[in-house]
Amino acid sequence: MRMVGALLALHRSAAGYTQSSLAERFGLSEEQIASVEQGRRALKLDLAVQLDALLGTNGTLETAVSNMPEIDLVPRWAEEYMDLEREALALSWYDNQVLPGLLQTSDYARGVFQNDVPALTEDEIELRVAARMERQEVLHRRAPPTVCFIISQVTLMDRLGGDDVYVAQLRHLLELTSLPGVTLQVMPVGRSFHAGLSGPFILIETPDHQRLGYTEAQRGSQLIADPDEVSILERKCAMLRTQALNPLETRDLLDRLLGEQ
C-alpha cells in the first residue's frame, strides 16, 4: 500500500493539487487522502480509476492497485468495513471466537495469525500484525468513538501465543477499560439462555448517524444496511448486554484471572 500511496502523492503534487483540494474533488476528507498516501489505507480500485482520469496518469494507479501483492492488502471483502470503523461514532462488538482485533496486543494478534490455515509466512504474519495495531488508533482519536465490546469467557480461557502472552493480554484488557467511551463485558459460561449463538457481529453508527451491521464468515463478510436486519442485531446486542457481566464484574473477573497466574 505504501508504494501506491507514494505514487498518488507524486502525481497529485505534479498536477498541482493539495491533499485538501484533491479530497474536495471527490467528496472525501483530507485525512482519507493522507491515509492512502501514507500507506495506512488501501486505495480502492474504482477511486484509482477516477484519480487516473483526473490526474492524467494513464492508468498508473489502476495498474498499481490491480497488481498489488496479496500480502500487502487487507482482504478486499473487509475494506469497506475498515473504512467505516475508522470514522465510526459508535461500535458495538460481540465476539465468541477470539478477542476483537481492536483489543488485541501485538503478541496475541501474532498468536492468532500463527493459527491460520494454510500457514502464513513470518513476513505475512508481521505485516498483518502491524496492520491490526494501526487499526487500534481509532480508540485513541481526539474524539474517540463510543465502543461496547461483549466477549465470551471462552475466549479468555484460550492461551493463544502462550502463558506470557495470555497474562499480558489480560493486563491490556484491564488498561483498555479505562479509556474514554470503552465498555467491556464478558459473557460468562454456563448460561441457560444466550442471545449470541448465531455468531459474532458488529454494529456501526456512521458520522451521518446511519446504523449498519457487519458479520464475517470463513472466507467473506456481509455489510448489512437493511433496517429490519440491523434491528435484529441491535436487539441481540441489547439482550447480550443484559446477560453478560456488567463492566465492574468484568474487571473483577479479569483481576481474578490475573491473580490465578
Protein backbone atom coordinates (compact mmCIF):
# COMPACT_ATOMS: atom_id res chain seq x y z
CA MET A 1 0.00 0.00 0.00
CA ARG A 2 2.94 2.34 0.66
CA MET A 3 4.03 2.10 -2.97
CA VAL A 4 0.57 3.01 -4.24
CA GLY A 5 0.36 5.84 -1.72
CA ALA A 6 3.73 7.24 -2.82
CA LEU A 7 2.58 7.17 -6.46
CA LEU A 8 -0.58 9.04 -5.59
CA ALA A 9 1.35 11.69 -3.64
CA LEU A 10 3.79 12.14 -6.54
CA HIS A 11 1.09 12.51 -9.21
CA ARG A 12 -1.13 14.68 -7.02
CA SER A 13 1.69 17.13 -6.40
CA ALA A 14 2.71 17.15 -10.08
CA ALA A 15 -0.88 18.00 -11.04
CA GLY A 16 -0.93 20.93 -8.62
CA TYR A 17 -3.35 19.51 -6.04
CA THR A 18 -3.01 19.59 -2.28
CA GLN A 19 -4.40 16.73 -0.22
CA SER A 20 -7.26 19.02 0.77
CA SER A 21 -8.14 20.15 -2.76
CA LEU A 22 -7.94 16.60 -4.14
CA ALA A 23 -10.16 15.30 -1.34
CA GLU A 24 -12.70 18.03 -2.08
CA ARG A 25 -12.94 16.99 -5.74
CA PHE A 26 -14.08 13.52 -4.68
CA GLY A 27 -16.14 14.38 -1.61
CA LEU A 28 -13.57 12.82 0.70
CA SER A 29 -11.82 14.09 3.81
CA GLU A 30 -8.22 15.27 3.75
CA GLU A 31 -7.45 12.53 6.29
CA GLN A 32 -8.62 9.86 3.83
CA ILE A 33 -6.22 11.08 1.15
CA ALA A 34 -3.41 11.40 3.69
CA SER A 35 -4.05 7.86 4.92
CA VAL A 36 -3.80 6.45 1.40
CA GLU A 37 -0.60 8.37 0.67
CA GLN A 38 0.98 7.19 3.93
CA GLY A 39 0.12 3.57 3.19
CA ARG A 40 -2.33 3.26 6.09
CA ARG A 41 -5.40 2.81 3.90
CA ALA A 42 -5.84 0.81 0.72
CA LEU A 43 -6.73 2.75 -2.43
CA LYS A 44 -9.90 1.25 -3.85
CA LEU A 45 -9.88 0.30 -7.50
CA ASP A 46 -12.82 2.48 -8.54
CA LEU A 47 -11.23 5.55 -6.92
CA ALA A 48 -7.89 4.71 -8.55
CA VAL A 49 -9.61 4.80 -11.97
CA GLN A 50 -11.17 8.20 -11.23
CA LEU A 51 -7.85 9.58 -9.97
CA ASP A 52 -6.06 8.41 -13.12
CA ALA A 53 -8.62 10.29 -15.21
CA LEU A 54 -8.30 13.49 -13.16
CA LEU A 55 -4.52 13.47 -12.79
CA GLY A 56 -3.79 12.27 -16.35
CA THR A 57 -1.72 9.34 -15.17
CA ASN A 58 -2.71 6.94 -17.98
CA GLY A 59 -3.90 4.09 -15.77
CA THR A 60 -0.83 4.09 -13.50
CA LEU A 61 -2.78 3.99 -10.25
CA GLU A 62 -5.32 1.48 -11.56
CA THR A 63 -2.49 -0.82 -12.66
CA ALA A 64 -0.69 -0.48 -9.33
CA VAL A 65 -3.81 -1.31 -7.32
CA SER A 66 -4.76 -4.22 -9.60
CA ASN A 67 -1.31 -5.78 -9.27
CA MET A 68 -0.66 -5.10 -5.62
CA PRO A 69 0.74 -8.21 -3.90
CA GLU A 70 -1.88 -10.07 -1.87
CA ILE A 71 0.32 -9.80 1.21
CA ASP A 72 0.02 -6.01 1.16
CA LEU A 73 -3.77 -5.93 1.26
CA VAL A 74 -6.42 -6.39 3.87
CA PRO A 75 -8.97 -8.79 2.38
CA ARG A 76 -10.96 -6.89 -0.24
CA TRP A 77 -14.19 -8.02 1.40
CA ALA A 78 -13.12 -6.27 4.62
CA GLU A 79 -12.02 -2.94 3.12
CA GLU A 80 -15.44 -1.28 3.32
CA TYR A 81 -15.81 -2.23 6.97
CA MET A 82 -12.31 -0.90 7.76
CA ASP A 83 -13.26 2.47 6.28
CA LEU A 84 -16.41 2.58 8.40
CA GLU A 85 -14.55 1.52 11.55
CA ARG A 86 -12.02 4.37 11.22
CA GLU A 87 -14.73 7.04 11.24
CA ALA A 88 -17.47 5.43 13.33
CA LEU A 89 -19.28 7.36 16.02
CA ALA A 90 -20.09 4.13 17.83
CA LEU A 91 -19.28 0.43 17.59
CA SER A 92 -20.98 -2.46 19.39
CA TRP A 93 -18.93 -5.64 19.00
CA TYR A 94 -19.82 -9.18 20.03
CA ASP A 95 -17.27 -11.96 19.53
CA ASN A 96 -17.14 -15.54 20.76
CA GLN A 97 -14.12 -16.91 18.84
CA VAL A 98 -11.14 -14.64 19.53
CA LEU A 99 -10.74 -11.25 21.16
CA PRO A 100 -11.82 -8.38 18.88
CA GLY A 101 -8.94 -7.02 16.83
CA LEU A 102 -9.19 -3.60 18.49
CA LEU A 103 -8.44 -5.22 21.86
CA GLN A 104 -5.52 -7.44 20.91
CA THR A 105 -1.89 -6.97 21.92
CA SER A 106 0.63 -7.44 19.12
CA ASP A 107 1.75 -10.78 20.60
CA TYR A 108 -1.83 -12.02 20.90
CA ALA A 109 -2.52 -10.96 17.30
CA ARG A 110 0.63 -12.81 16.26
CA GLY A 111 -0.68 -15.90 18.04
CA VAL A 112 -3.99 -15.57 16.16
CA PHE A 113 -2.28 -15.32 12.76
CA GLN A 114 0.01 -18.25 13.58
CA ASN A 115 -3.14 -20.38 13.68
CA ASP A 116 -4.14 -19.53 10.10
CA VAL A 117 -4.64 -22.47 7.76
CA PRO A 118 -2.90 -22.66 5.33
CA ALA A 119 0.04 -21.35 7.34
CA LEU A 120 1.29 -17.81 6.74
CA THR A 121 4.95 -16.93 6.34
CA GLU A 122 6.67 -14.91 9.07
CA ASP A 123 6.67 -11.84 6.80
CA GLU A 124 2.95 -12.21 6.16
CA ILE A 125 2.25 -12.53 9.87
CA GLU A 126 4.27 -9.44 10.76
CA LEU A 127 2.52 -7.34 8.09
CA ARG A 128 -0.87 -8.41 9.37
CA VAL A 129 0.10 -7.72 12.98
CA ALA A 130 1.28 -4.21 12.04
CA ALA A 131 -1.97 -3.53 10.16
CA ARG A 132 -4.01 -4.70 13.15
CA MET A 133 -2.09 -2.45 15.53
CA GLU A 134 -2.68 0.55 13.24
CA ARG A 135 -6.41 -0.11 13.33
CA GLN A 136 -6.38 0.40 17.08
CA GLU A 137 -5.63 4.10 16.62
CA VAL A 138 -9.39 4.58 16.35
CA LEU A 139 -9.64 4.10 20.14
CA HIS A 140 -7.22 6.98 20.68
CA ARG A 141 -8.71 9.55 18.33
CA ARG A 142 -9.13 13.10 19.60
CA ALA A 143 -12.86 12.39 19.56
CA PRO A 144 -12.92 8.62 20.14
CA PRO A 145 -15.94 6.50 19.27
CA THR A 146 -18.21 5.01 21.89
CA VAL A 147 -17.37 1.31 21.82
CA CYS A 148 -19.04 -1.59 23.58
CA PHE A 149 -17.26 -4.95 23.49
CA ILE A 150 -19.01 -8.13 24.57
CA ILE A 151 -16.71 -11.15 24.56
CA SER A 152 -17.27 -14.75 25.53
CA GLN A 153 -15.49 -16.02 28.63
CA VAL A 154 -14.37 -18.92 26.46
CA THR A 155 -12.02 -16.56 24.60
CA LEU A 156 -10.37 -15.73 27.95
CA MET A 157 -9.69 -19.42 28.55
CA ASP A 158 -7.59 -19.88 25.41
CA ARG A 159 -3.87 -19.07 25.65
CA LEU A 160 -3.00 -18.12 22.10
CA GLY A 161 0.71 -17.36 21.94
CA GLY A 162 1.49 -18.96 25.31
CA ASP A 163 1.20 -18.15 29.01
CA ASP A 164 3.21 -14.88 28.95
CA VAL A 165 1.12 -13.56 26.09
CA TYR A 166 -2.04 -14.55 27.94
CA VAL A 167 -1.07 -12.61 31.07
CA ALA A 168 -0.03 -9.53 29.09
CA GLN A 169 -3.32 -9.65 27.18
CA LEU A 170 -5.37 -9.75 30.38
CA ARG A 171 -3.48 -6.71 31.70
CA HIS A 172 -4.05 -4.93 28.39
CA LEU A 173 -7.79 -5.55 28.62
CA LEU A 174 -7.83 -4.02 32.10
CA GLU A 175 -5.97 -0.95 30.82
CA LEU A 176 -8.40 -0.52 27.93
CA THR A 177 -11.39 -0.41 30.27
CA SER A 178 -10.10 2.96 31.50
CA LEU A 179 -10.24 4.54 28.02
CA PRO A 180 -12.99 7.13 27.46
CA GLY A 181 -16.01 5.60 25.78
CA VAL A 182 -14.82 1.97 26.02
CA THR A 183 -17.05 -0.59 27.75
CA LEU A 184 -16.01 -4.23 28.14
CA GLN A 185 -18.36 -7.00 29.22
CA VAL A 186 -17.77 -10.75 29.43
CA MET A 187 -20.47 -13.29 28.67
CA PRO A 188 -19.86 -15.99 31.31
CA VAL A 189 -20.01 -19.68 30.56
CA GLY A 190 -22.87 -21.77 31.89
CA ARG A 191 -25.77 -19.53 30.84
CA SER A 192 -29.11 -21.26 30.25
CA PHE A 193 -30.04 -18.63 27.63
CA HIS A 194 -27.67 -16.94 25.19
CA ALA A 195 -28.65 -14.34 22.56
CA GLY A 196 -25.42 -14.69 20.58
CA LEU A 197 -25.47 -18.32 19.46
CA SER A 198 -25.69 -17.33 15.80
CA GLY A 199 -22.15 -15.94 15.92
CA PRO A 200 -20.14 -12.72 16.11
CA PHE A 201 -21.33 -9.39 14.70
CA ILE A 202 -20.58 -5.68 14.85
CA LEU A 203 -22.97 -2.72 14.88
CA ILE A 204 -21.73 0.57 13.42
CA GLU A 205 -23.04 4.11 13.71
CA THR A 206 -21.57 6.32 10.98
CA PRO A 207 -20.81 10.07 11.27
CA ASP A 208 -24.12 10.79 9.50
CA HIS A 209 -25.94 8.53 12.01
CA GLN A 210 -26.57 5.66 9.63
CA ARG A 211 -26.78 2.37 11.51
CA LEU A 212 -25.20 -0.68 9.90
CA GLY A 213 -24.35 -4.25 10.79
CA TYR A 214 -21.33 -6.33 9.84
CA THR A 215 -20.71 -10.07 10.02
CA GLU A 216 -17.80 -12.25 8.92
CA ALA A 217 -17.66 -15.88 7.86
CA GLN A 218 -14.71 -18.10 6.98
CA ARG A 219 -13.91 -16.51 3.62
CA GLY A 220 -16.09 -13.46 3.32
CA SER A 221 -18.22 -10.89 5.04
CA GLN A 222 -21.55 -9.09 4.84
CA LEU A 223 -22.25 -5.43 5.42
CA ILE A 224 -25.90 -5.09 6.48
CA ALA A 225 -27.84 -1.91 5.70
CA ASP A 226 -31.43 -3.19 5.69
CA PRO A 227 -33.11 -1.54 8.72
CA ASP A 228 -35.04 -4.69 9.63
CA GLU A 229 -31.89 -6.80 9.67
CA VAL A 230 -29.93 -4.18 11.60
CA SER A 231 -32.78 -4.02 14.11
CA ILE A 232 -32.45 -7.76 14.73
CA LEU A 233 -28.75 -7.37 15.52
CA GLU A 234 -29.47 -4.39 17.77
CA ARG A 235 -31.98 -6.43 19.75
CA LYS A 236 -29.49 -9.29 20.04
CA CYS A 237 -26.87 -6.83 21.29
CA ALA A 238 -29.24 -5.33 23.84
CA MET A 239 -30.09 -8.80 25.15
CA LEU A 240 -26.40 -9.79 25.30
CA ARG A 241 -25.60 -6.72 27.38
CA THR A 242 -28.18 -7.77 29.96
CA GLN A 243 -26.90 -11.36 30.03
CA ALA A 244 -23.19 -10.50 30.26
CA LEU A 245 -21.31 -9.46 33.37
CA ASN A 246 -21.51 -5.72 33.87
CA PRO A 247 -18.29 -3.67 33.41
CA LEU A 248 -17.37 -3.75 37.12
CA GLU A 249 -17.97 -7.51 37.32
CA THR A 250 -15.88 -7.90 34.18
CA ARG A 251 -12.96 -6.02 35.76
CA ASP A 252 -13.27 -8.23 38.84
CA LEU A 253 -13.13 -11.32 36.62
CA LEU A 254 -10.01 -10.07 34.84
CA ASP A 255 -8.38 -9.29 38.20
CA ARG A 256 -9.26 -12.77 39.43
CA LEU A 257 -7.84 -14.44 36.32
CA LEU A 258 -4.62 -12.46 36.71
CA GLY A 259 -4.42 -13.44 40.38
CA GLU A 260 -4.59 -17.10 39.42
CA GLN A 261 -1.41 -16.83 37.32
